[in-house]
């Protein structure tokens, strides 16, 4: 299986969105994911109705429900929790019926949504079969917080880099037996796979920010790094690239002596 990062799904679900995005199921890829949610108004939003200047455009709240595959043979389902706020078009007037606060129906309010949690975590990426469970577990852990805390997700993917280097048998200790920094380990890995090491290094820098910066990292920055990490895993664990490289070397070695297969040249 080739590595594939479901970036667009996480970008869209992070919101704000007015209509639920239409995505193929990340499990079967044969049908779309559909939401079933129950919406609640936040108690503070309800109390704000006592303000003489209140209007529905100030409403906000939360929702919970499910997000699942519509294909009967799959039916993979995730519980979801998130927030919403009123999304009134400023160019449109609010109907007179909304002046009657006691009779106001919040279900009528146009809303923008943000998904914060999914249980179990939404699949972050498809992975080559040879990716070890130690790396896969950290990716799942990152997926569980990516929508609520991108910095924490970046830090967990940084740990997944360490697990990847462990699997590739890159040394972990200095001659004095103290731990070798991740940066140095990635540099050592460059000798084996320079392209993958470059991608890992980029994600490592973003993971460092997730660990040390007080300001939360923006989601898109973290997704950029995870996309590079996904590509690194494909370069490391998908041997199609090595096979193609060997085939190219064989063809280039023959050069002008290259003949069609029926010429019994072994290709």
C-alpha atoms as a PDB file:
ATOM      1  CA  UNK A   1       0.000   0.000   0.000  1.00  0.00           C
ATOM      2  CA  UNK A   2       1.243   3.457  -0.852  1.00  0.00           C
ATOM      3  CA  UNK A   3       1.357   6.092   1.868  1.00  0.00           C
ATOM      4  CA  UNK A   4      -1.443   8.641   1.667  1.00  0.00           C
ATOM      5  CA  UNK A   5      -2.133  11.508   4.055  1.00  0.00           C
ATOM      6  CA  UNK A   6      -5.816  12.459   4.414  1.00  0.00           C
ATOM      7  CA  UNK A   7      -4.906  16.119   4.693  1.00  0.00           C
ATOM      8  CA  UNK A   8      -7.978  17.552   2.984  1.00  0.00           C
ATOM      9  CA  UNK A   9     -10.298  15.786   5.420  1.00  0.00           C
ATOM     10  CA  UNK A  10      -8.579  17.234   8.493  1.00  0.00           C
ATOM     11  CA  UNK A  11      -8.338  20.694   6.930  1.00  0.00           C
ATOM     12  CA  UNK A  12     -12.050  20.765   6.171  1.00  0.00           C
ATOM     13  CA  UNK A  13     -13.276  19.272   9.464  1.00  0.00           C
ATOM     14  CA  UNK A  14     -11.214  21.783  11.464  1.00  0.00           C
ATOM     15  CA  UNK A  15     -13.601  24.393  10.080  1.00  0.00           C
ATOM     16  CA  UNK A  16     -15.260  26.691  10.179  1.00  0.00           C
ATOM     17  CA  UNK A  17     -17.623  25.215   7.576  1.00  0.00           C
ATOM     18  CA  UNK A  18     -21.296  25.919   6.865  1.00  0.00           C
ATOM     19  CA  UNK A  19     -22.060  22.587   5.172  1.00  0.00           C
ATOM     20  CA  UNK A  20     -20.539  19.246   6.129  1.00  0.00           C
ATOM     21  CA  UNK A  21     -17.779  18.371   3.672  1.00  0.00           C
ATOM     22  CA  UNK A  22     -18.281  15.442   1.341  1.00  0.00           C
ATOM     23  CA  UNK A  23     -15.320  13.069   1.729  1.00  0.00           C
ATOM     24  CA  UNK A  24     -14.712   9.494   0.668  1.00  0.00           C
ATOM     25  CA  UNK A  25     -14.556   7.119   3.592  1.00  0.00           C
ATOM     26  CA  UNK A  26     -10.906   6.878   4.741  1.00  0.00           C
ATOM     27  CA  UNK A  27     -11.506   3.197   5.555  1.00  0.00           C
ATOM     28  CA  UNK A  28     -13.013   1.749   2.367  1.00  0.00           C
ATOM     29  CA  UNK A  29     -12.646   4.685  -0.070  1.00  0.00           C
ATOM     30  CA  UNK A  30     -15.846   3.494  -1.784  1.00  0.00           C
ATOM     31  CA  UNK A  31     -18.514   5.744  -0.266  1.00  0.00           C
ATOM     32  CA  UNK A  32     -18.862   9.072   1.516  1.00  0.00           C
ATOM     33  CA  UNK A  33     -18.813   9.997   5.189  1.00  0.00           C
ATOM     34  CA  UNK A  34     -22.095  11.331   6.571  1.00  0.00           C
ATOM     35  CA  UNK A  35     -22.759  13.207   9.840  1.00  0.00           C
ATOM     36  CA  UNK A  36     -25.579  12.735  12.327  1.00  0.00           C
ATOM     37  CA  UNK A  37     -25.313  15.410  15.002  1.00  0.00           C
ATOM     38  CA  UNK A  38     -27.311  16.890  17.870  1.00  0.00           C
ATOM     39  CA  UNK A  39     -26.848  20.616  18.469  1.00  0.00           C
ATOM     40  CA  UNK A  40     -26.941  22.477  21.787  1.00  0.00           C
ATOM     41  CA  UNK A  41     -26.669  26.144  22.659  1.00  0.00           C
ATOM     42  CA  UNK A  42     -23.999  27.060  25.206  1.00  0.00           C
ATOM     43  CA  UNK A  43     -25.497  28.228  28.579  1.00  0.00           C
ATOM     44  CA  UNK A  44     -23.586  31.505  28.309  1.00  0.00           C
ATOM     45  CA  UNK A  45     -25.159  32.081  24.920  1.00  0.00           C
ATOM     46  CA  UNK A  46     -28.592  31.444  26.417  1.00  0.00           C
ATOM     47  CA  UNK A  47     -27.939  33.906  29.276  1.00  0.00           C
ATOM     48  CA  UNK A  48     -26.857  36.534  26.760  1.00  0.00           C
ATOM     49  CA  UNK A  49     -30.429  36.685  25.535  1.00  0.00           C
ATOM     50  CA  UNK A  50     -31.193  38.854  28.552  1.00  0.00           C
ATOM     51  CA  UNK A  51     -29.129  41.613  26.956  1.00  0.00           C
ATOM     52  CA  UNK A  52     -31.460  44.267  25.485  1.00  0.00           C
ATOM     53  CA  UNK A  53     -29.215  44.419  22.396  1.00  0.00           C
ATOM     54  CA  UNK A  54     -29.182  40.667  21.893  1.00  0.00           C
ATOM     55  CA  UNK A  55     -29.537  39.210  18.420  1.00  0.00           C
ATOM     56  CA  UNK A  56     -29.202  35.664  17.039  1.00  0.00           C
ATOM     57  CA  UNK A  57     -25.911  36.418  15.301  1.00  0.00           C
ATOM     58  CA  UNK A  58     -24.207  36.204  18.736  1.00  0.00           C
ATOM     59  CA  UNK A  59     -25.301  32.643  19.433  1.00  0.00           C
ATOM     60  CA  UNK A  60     -22.810  29.802  19.909  1.00  0.00           C
ATOM     61  CA  UNK A  61     -22.765  26.284  21.268  1.00  0.00           C
ATOM     62  CA  UNK A  62     -21.557  22.750  20.738  1.00  0.00           C
ATOM     63  CA  UNK A  63     -22.628  19.523  19.085  1.00  0.00           C
ATOM     64  CA  UNK A  64     -22.033  15.806  19.333  1.00  0.00           C
ATOM     65  CA  UNK A  65     -22.951  12.913  17.135  1.00  0.00           C
ATOM     66  CA  UNK A  66     -21.467  10.469  14.658  1.00  0.00           C
ATOM     67  CA  UNK A  67     -19.534  10.677  11.416  1.00  0.00           C
ATOM     68  CA  UNK A  68     -19.653   7.443   9.490  1.00  0.00           C
ATOM     69  CA  UNK A  69     -19.440   5.647   6.175  1.00  0.00           C
ATOM     70  CA  UNK A  70     -22.738   5.355   4.310  1.00  0.00           C
ATOM     71  CA  UNK A  71     -21.753   2.063   2.650  1.00  0.00           C
ATOM     72  CA  UNK A  72     -23.526  -0.892   4.342  1.00  0.00           C
ATOM     73  CA  UNK A  73     -20.521  -3.175   3.826  1.00  0.00           C
ATOM     74  CA  UNK A  74     -18.266  -0.727   5.700  1.00  0.00           C
ATOM     75  CA  UNK A  75     -20.287   1.337   8.173  1.00  0.00           C
ATOM     76  CA  UNK A  76     -17.147   2.547   9.976  1.00  0.00           C
ATOM     77  CA  UNK A  77     -18.371   5.191  12.426  1.00  0.00           C
ATOM     78  CA  UNK A  78     -16.689   7.775  14.642  1.00  0.00           C
ATOM     79  CA  UNK A  79     -18.212   9.700  17.536  1.00  0.00           C
ATOM     80  CA  UNK A  80     -17.541  13.416  17.074  1.00  0.00           C
ATOM     81  CA  UNK A  81     -17.675  16.492  19.286  1.00  0.00           C
ATOM     82  CA  UNK A  82     -17.289  20.094  18.240  1.00  0.00           C
ATOM     83  CA  UNK A  83     -18.392  23.696  18.447  1.00  0.00           C
ATOM     84  CA  UNK A  84     -20.614  25.971  16.382  1.00  0.00           C
ATOM     85  CA  UNK A  85     -21.402  29.656  16.178  1.00  0.00           C
ATOM     86  CA  UNK A  86     -24.028  31.689  14.386  1.00  0.00           C
ATOM     87  CA  UNK A  87     -22.911  32.658  10.901  1.00  0.00           C
ATOM     88  CA  UNK A  88     -25.263  35.397   9.868  1.00  0.00           C
ATOM     89  CA  UNK A  89     -24.790  37.166   6.570  1.00  0.00           C
ATOM     90  CA  UNK A  90     -24.203  40.810   7.582  1.00  0.00           C
ATOM     91  CA  UNK A  91     -25.951  41.971   4.397  1.00  0.00           C
ATOM     92  CA  UNK A  92     -29.193  40.245   5.395  1.00  0.00           C
ATOM     93  CA  UNK A  93     -31.642  41.611   7.941  1.00  0.00           C
ATOM     94  CA  UNK A  94     -32.761  39.431  10.812  1.00  0.00           C
ATOM     95  CA  UNK A  95     -36.433  38.496  10.554  1.00  0.00           C
ATOM     96  CA  UNK A  96     -38.812  40.286  12.920  1.00  0.00           C
ATOM     97  CA  UNK A  97     -39.816  36.955  14.476  1.00  0.00           C
ATOM     98  CA  UNK A  98     -36.341  36.748  16.024  1.00  0.00           C
ATOM     99  CA  UNK A  99     -37.140  39.757  18.176  1.00  0.00           C
ATOM    100  CA  UNK A 100     -39.341  37.463  20.222  1.00  0.00           C
ATOM    101  CA  UNK A 101     -36.518  35.878  22.208  1.00  0.00           C
ATOM    102  CA  UNK A 102     -38.756  33.546  24.199  1.00  0.00           C
ATOM    103  CA  UNK A 103     -40.097  31.957  21.022  1.00  0.00           C
ATOM    104  CA  UNK A 104     -36.816  31.893  19.149  1.00  0.00           C
ATOM    105  CA  UNK A 105     -35.782  28.539  17.675  1.00  0.00           C
ATOM    106  CA  UNK A 106     -31.980  28.202  17.610  1.00  0.00           C
ATOM    107  CA  UNK A 107     -32.277  25.443  14.992  1.00  0.00           C
ATOM    108  CA  UNK A 108     -33.159  28.167  12.479  1.00  0.00           C
ATOM    109  CA  UNK A 109     -29.831  29.939  12.896  1.00  0.00           C
ATOM    110  CA  UNK A 110     -27.249  29.433  10.119  1.00  0.00           C
ATOM    111  CA  UNK A 111     -24.181  27.900  11.776  1.00  0.00           C
ATOM    112  CA  UNK A 112     -20.519  27.326  11.100  1.00  0.00           C
ATOM    113  CA  UNK A 113     -19.005  24.186  12.601  1.00  0.00           C
ATOM    114  CA  UNK A 114     -15.624  23.038  13.894  1.00  0.00           C
ATOM    115  CA  UNK A 115     -14.899  19.403  14.780  1.00  0.00           C
ATOM    116  CA  UNK A 116     -12.613  19.136  17.819  1.00  0.00           C
ATOM    117  CA  UNK A 117     -12.527  15.392  18.641  1.00  0.00           C
ATOM    118  CA  UNK A 118     -13.283  12.069  16.977  1.00  0.00           C
ATOM    119  CA  UNK A 119     -13.424   8.720  18.789  1.00  0.00           C
ATOM    120  CA  UNK A 120     -11.892   6.474  17.632  1.00  0.00           C
ATOM    121  CA  UNK A 121      -9.452   8.870  15.944  1.00  0.00           C
ATOM    122  CA  UNK A 122     -10.050   9.429  12.253  1.00  0.00           C
ATOM    123  CA  UNK A 123      -7.386   7.650  10.165  1.00  0.00           C
ATOM    124  CA  UNK A 124      -4.653  10.197   9.523  1.00  0.00           C
ATOM    125  CA  UNK A 125      -2.935   8.289   6.738  1.00  0.00           C
ATOM    126  CA  UNK A 126      -2.762   5.060   4.779  1.00  0.00           C
ATOM    127  CA  UNK A 127       0.601   3.401   5.331  1.00  0.00           C
ATOM    128  CA  UNK A 128       2.801   0.825   3.640  1.00  0.00           C
ATOM    129  CA  UNK A 129       2.378  -2.584   5.251  1.00  0.00           C
ATOM    130  CA  UNK A 130       5.937  -2.646   6.592  1.00  0.00           C
ATOM    131  CA  UNK A 131       5.550   0.422   8.833  1.00  0.00           C
ATOM    132  CA  UNK A 132       6.065  -0.944  12.382  1.00  0.00           C
ATOM    133  CA  UNK A 133       3.333  -0.839  15.010  1.00  0.00           C
ATOM    134  CA  UNK A 134       5.456   1.452  17.197  1.00  0.00           C
ATOM    135  CA  UNK A 135       5.216   4.130  14.507  1.00  0.00           C
ATOM    136  CA  UNK A 136       1.568   3.433  13.686  1.00  0.00           C
ATOM    137  CA  UNK A 137       0.537   3.780  17.350  1.00  0.00           C
ATOM    138  CA  UNK A 138       2.113   7.237  17.585  1.00  0.00           C
ATOM    139  CA  UNK A 139       0.393   8.329  14.370  1.00  0.00           C
ATOM    140  CA  UNK A 140      -2.974   7.255  15.836  1.00  0.00           C
ATOM    141  CA  UNK A 141      -2.135   9.170  19.011  1.00  0.00           C
ATOM    142  CA  UNK A 142      -1.367  12.281  16.954  1.00  0.00           C
ATOM    143  CA  UNK A 143      -4.628  11.890  15.041  1.00  0.00           C
ATOM    144  CA  UNK A 144      -6.589  11.869  18.313  1.00  0.00           C
ATOM    145  CA  UNK A 145      -5.525  15.474  19.107  1.00  0.00           C
ATOM    146  CA  UNK A 146      -4.791  17.033  15.705  1.00  0.00           C
ATOM    147  CA  UNK A 147      -8.104  18.946  15.566  1.00  0.00           C
ATOM    148  CA  UNK A 148      -8.016  20.137  19.177  1.00  0.00           C
ATOM    149  CA  UNK A 149      -4.273  20.646  19.783  1.00  0.00           C
ATOM    150  CA  UNK A 150      -2.082  20.720  16.643  1.00  0.00           C
ATOM    151  CA  UNK A 151       1.038  21.426  18.744  1.00  0.00           C
ATOM    152  CA  UNK A 152       0.546  18.185  20.685  1.00  0.00           C
ATOM    153  CA  UNK A 153       0.030  16.296  17.428  1.00  0.00           C
ATOM    154  CA  UNK A 154       3.300  17.715  16.068  1.00  0.00           C
ATOM    155  CA  UNK A 155       5.100  16.574  19.186  1.00  0.00           C
ATOM    156  CA  UNK A 156       3.705  13.034  18.851  1.00  0.00           C
ATOM    157  CA  UNK A 157       4.756  12.829  15.199  1.00  0.00           C
ATOM    158  CA  UNK A 158       8.215  13.907  16.327  1.00  0.00           C
ATOM    159  CA  UNK A 159       8.180  10.869  18.619  1.00  0.00           C
ATOM    160  CA  UNK A 160       7.117   8.788  15.607  1.00  0.00           C
ATOM    161  CA  UNK A 161      10.301   9.976  13.874  1.00  0.00           C
ATOM    162  CA  UNK A 162      12.311   8.556  16.776  1.00  0.00           C
ATOM    163  CA  UNK A 163      10.427   5.253  16.483  1.00  0.00           C
ATOM    164  CA  UNK A 164      11.138   5.182  12.746  1.00  0.00           C
ATOM    165  CA  UNK A 165      14.854   5.715  13.355  1.00  0.00           C
ATOM    166  CA  UNK A 166      14.791   2.969  15.990  1.00  0.00           C
ATOM    167  CA  UNK A 167      13.252   0.606  13.445  1.00  0.00           C
ATOM    168  CA  UNK A 168      15.963   1.553  10.930  1.00  0.00           C
ATOM    169  CA  UNK A 169      18.604   0.714  13.573  1.00  0.00           C
ATOM    170  CA  UNK A 170      20.034   4.229  13.760  1.00  0.00           C
ATOM    171  CA  UNK A 171      22.142   4.459  16.907  1.00  0.00           C
ATOM    172  CA  UNK A 172      20.562   6.151  19.927  1.00  0.00           C
ATOM    173  CA  UNK A 173      23.571   6.722  22.193  1.00  0.00           C
ATOM    174  CA  UNK A 174      26.765   8.738  22.071  1.00  0.00           C
ATOM    175  CA  UNK A 175      30.108   7.069  22.909  1.00  0.00           C
ATOM    176  CA  UNK A 176      29.663   8.259  26.505  1.00  0.00           C
ATOM    177  CA  UNK A 177      26.250   6.460  26.588  1.00  0.00           C
ATOM    178  CA  UNK A 178      24.242   9.695  26.769  1.00  0.00           C
ATOM    179  CA  UNK A 179      21.237   9.983  24.409  1.00  0.00           C
ATOM    180  CA  UNK A 180      21.983  11.066  20.850  1.00  0.00           C
ATOM    181  CA  UNK A 181      19.883  14.032  19.704  1.00  0.00           C
ATOM    182  CA  UNK A 182      17.181  13.374  17.113  1.00  0.00           C
ATOM    183  CA  UNK A 183      18.879  15.874  14.816  1.00  0.00           C
ATOM    184  CA  UNK A 184      22.104  13.849  14.835  1.00  0.00           C
ATOM    185  CA  UNK A 185      20.234  10.591  14.317  1.00  0.00           C
ATOM    186  CA  UNK A 186      18.492  11.987  11.243  1.00  0.00           C
ATOM    187  CA  UNK A 187      21.847  13.182   9.911  1.00  0.00           C
ATOM    188  CA  UNK A 188      23.182   9.640  10.354  1.00  0.00           C
ATOM    189  CA  UNK A 189      20.143   8.281   8.484  1.00  0.00           C
ATOM    190  CA  UNK A 190      20.954  10.558   5.532  1.00  0.00           C
ATOM    191  CA  UNK A 191      23.632   8.123   4.481  1.00  0.00           C
ATOM    192  CA  UNK A 192      20.973   5.452   3.944  1.00  0.00           C
ATOM    193  CA  UNK A 193      18.088   7.483   2.531  1.00  0.00           C
ATOM    194  CA  UNK A 194      18.842  11.185   1.949  1.00  0.00           C
ATOM    195  CA  UNK A 195      15.404  12.134   0.581  1.00  0.00           C
ATOM    196  CA  UNK A 196      13.517  10.527   3.462  1.00  0.00           C
ATOM    197  CA  UNK A 197      15.965  12.046   5.963  1.00  0.00           C
ATOM    198  CA  UNK A 198      15.304  15.519   4.544  1.00  0.00           C
ATOM    199  CA  UNK A 199      11.552  15.065   5.048  1.00  0.00           C
ATOM    200  CA  UNK A 200      12.059  13.757   8.583  1.00  0.00           C
ATOM    201  CA  UNK A 201      14.275  16.712   9.449  1.00  0.00           C
ATOM    202  CA  UNK A 202      11.622  19.199   8.316  1.00  0.00           C
ATOM    203  CA  UNK A 203       8.980  17.503  10.479  1.00  0.00           C
ATOM    204  CA  UNK A 204      11.444  17.401  13.361  1.00  0.00           C
ATOM    205  CA  UNK A 205      11.801  21.211  13.314  1.00  0.00           C
ATOM    206  CA  UNK A 206       8.016  21.616  13.417  1.00  0.00           C
ATOM    207  CA  UNK A 207       7.794  19.054  16.216  1.00  0.00           C
ATOM    208  CA  UNK A 208      10.369  21.045  18.165  1.00  0.00           C
ATOM    209  CA  UNK A 209       8.141  24.109  17.926  1.00  0.00           C
ATOM    210  CA  UNK A 210       5.203  22.067  19.171  1.00  0.00           C
ATOM    211  CA  UNK A 211       7.234  21.115  22.234  1.00  0.00           C
ATOM    212  CA  UNK A 212       8.753  24.464  23.143  1.00  0.00           C
ATOM    213  CA  UNK A 213       6.610  27.319  21.790  1.00  0.00           C
ATOM    214  CA  UNK A 214       3.997  28.821  24.090  1.00  0.00           C
ATOM    215  CA  UNK A 215       1.978  30.027  21.109  1.00  0.00           C
ATOM    216  CA  UNK A 216      -0.084  27.153  19.649  1.00  0.00           C
ATOM    217  CA  UNK A 217       1.063  26.060  16.224  1.00  0.00           C
ATOM    218  CA  UNK A 218      -1.352  26.735  13.347  1.00  0.00           C
ATOM    219  CA  UNK A 219      -2.967  23.609  11.989  1.00  0.00           C
ATOM    220  CA  UNK A 220      -1.713  24.126   8.422  1.00  0.00           C
ATOM    221  CA  UNK A 221       1.893  24.298   9.605  1.00  0.00           C
ATOM    222  CA  UNK A 222       1.541  20.978  11.399  1.00  0.00           C
ATOM    223  CA  UNK A 223      -0.237  19.422   8.411  1.00  0.00           C
ATOM    224  CA  UNK A 224       2.644  20.543   6.183  1.00  0.00           C
ATOM    225  CA  UNK A 225       5.062  18.652   8.404  1.00  0.00           C
ATOM    226  CA  UNK A 226       2.893  15.544   8.631  1.00  0.00           C
ATOM    227  CA  UNK A 227       2.608  15.490   4.849  1.00  0.00           C
ATOM    228  CA  UNK A 228       6.406  15.399   4.618  1.00  0.00           C
ATOM    229  CA  UNK A 229       6.535  12.688   7.277  1.00  0.00           C
ATOM    230  CA  UNK A 230       4.040  10.608   5.279  1.00  0.00           C
ATOM    231  CA  UNK A 231       6.228  10.880   2.201  1.00  0.00           C
ATOM    232  CA  UNK A 232       9.281   9.877   4.247  1.00  0.00           C
ATOM    233  CA  UNK A 233       7.509   6.695   5.374  1.00  0.00           C
ATOM    234  CA  UNK A 234       6.717   5.838   1.775  1.00  0.00           C
ATOM    235  CA  UNK A 235      10.342   6.354   0.758  1.00  0.00           C
ATOM    236  CA  UNK A 236      11.507   4.158   3.638  1.00  0.00           C
ATOM    237  CA  UNK A 237       8.979   1.327   3.659  1.00  0.00           C
ATOM    238  CA  UNK A 238       7.639   1.071   0.102  1.00  0.00           C
ATOM    239  CA  UNK A 239      10.222  -0.927  -1.851  1.00  0.00           C
ATOM    240  CA  UNK A 240       8.714   0.031  -5.218  1.00  0.00           C
ATOM    241  CA  UNK A 241      11.178   2.910  -5.291  1.00  0.00           C
ATOM    242  CA  UNK A 242      14.151   0.629  -4.766  1.00  0.00           C
ATOM    243  CA  UNK A 243      12.866  -1.701  -7.473  1.00  0.00           C
ATOM    244  CA  UNK A 244      12.446   1.181  -9.899  1.00  0.00           C
ATOM    245  CA  UNK A 245      15.924   2.446  -9.055  1.00  0.00           C
ATOM    246  CA  UNK A 246      17.427  -0.989  -9.772  1.00  0.00           C
ATOM    247  CA  UNK A 247      15.497  -1.246 -13.031  1.00  0.00           C
ATOM    248  CA  UNK A 248      16.709   2.191 -14.100  1.00  0.00           C
ATOM    249  CA  UNK A 249      20.291   1.214 -13.249  1.00  0.00           C
ATOM    250  CA  UNK A 250      20.018  -1.959 -15.328  1.00  0.00           C
ATOM    251  CA  UNK A 251      18.640  -0.056 -18.323  1.00  0.00           C
ATOM    252  CA  UNK A 252      21.247   2.696 -18.044  1.00  0.00           C
ATOM    253  CA  UNK A 253      24.022   0.113 -17.785  1.00  0.00           C
ATOM    254  CA  UNK A 254      22.967  -1.414 -21.109  1.00  0.00           C
ATOM    255  CA  UNK A 255      22.515   1.980 -22.760  1.00  0.00           C
ATOM    256  CA  UNK A 256      22.905   1.585 -26.526  1.00  0.00           C
ATOM    257  CA  UNK A 257      22.959  -2.208 -26.108  1.00  0.00           C
ATOM    258  CA  UNK A 258      19.383  -2.161 -24.806  1.00  0.00           C
ATOM    259  CA  UNK A 259      17.065  -4.449 -26.801  1.00  0.00           C
ATOM    260  CA  UNK A 260      13.400  -5.506 -26.517  1.00  0.00           C
ATOM    261  CA  UNK A 261      12.690  -8.475 -24.192  1.00  0.00           C
ATOM    262  CA  UNK A 262      12.282 -10.901 -27.098  1.00  0.00           C
ATOM    263  CA  UNK A 263      15.935 -10.295 -27.938  1.00  0.00           C
ATOM    264  CA  UNK A 264      16.820 -12.416 -24.862  1.00  0.00           C
ATOM    265  CA  UNK A 265      18.762  -9.659 -23.181  1.00  0.00           C
ATOM    266  CA  UNK A 266      17.355 -10.514 -19.755  1.00  0.00           C
ATOM    267  CA  UNK A 267      15.077  -7.451 -19.356  1.00  0.00           C
END
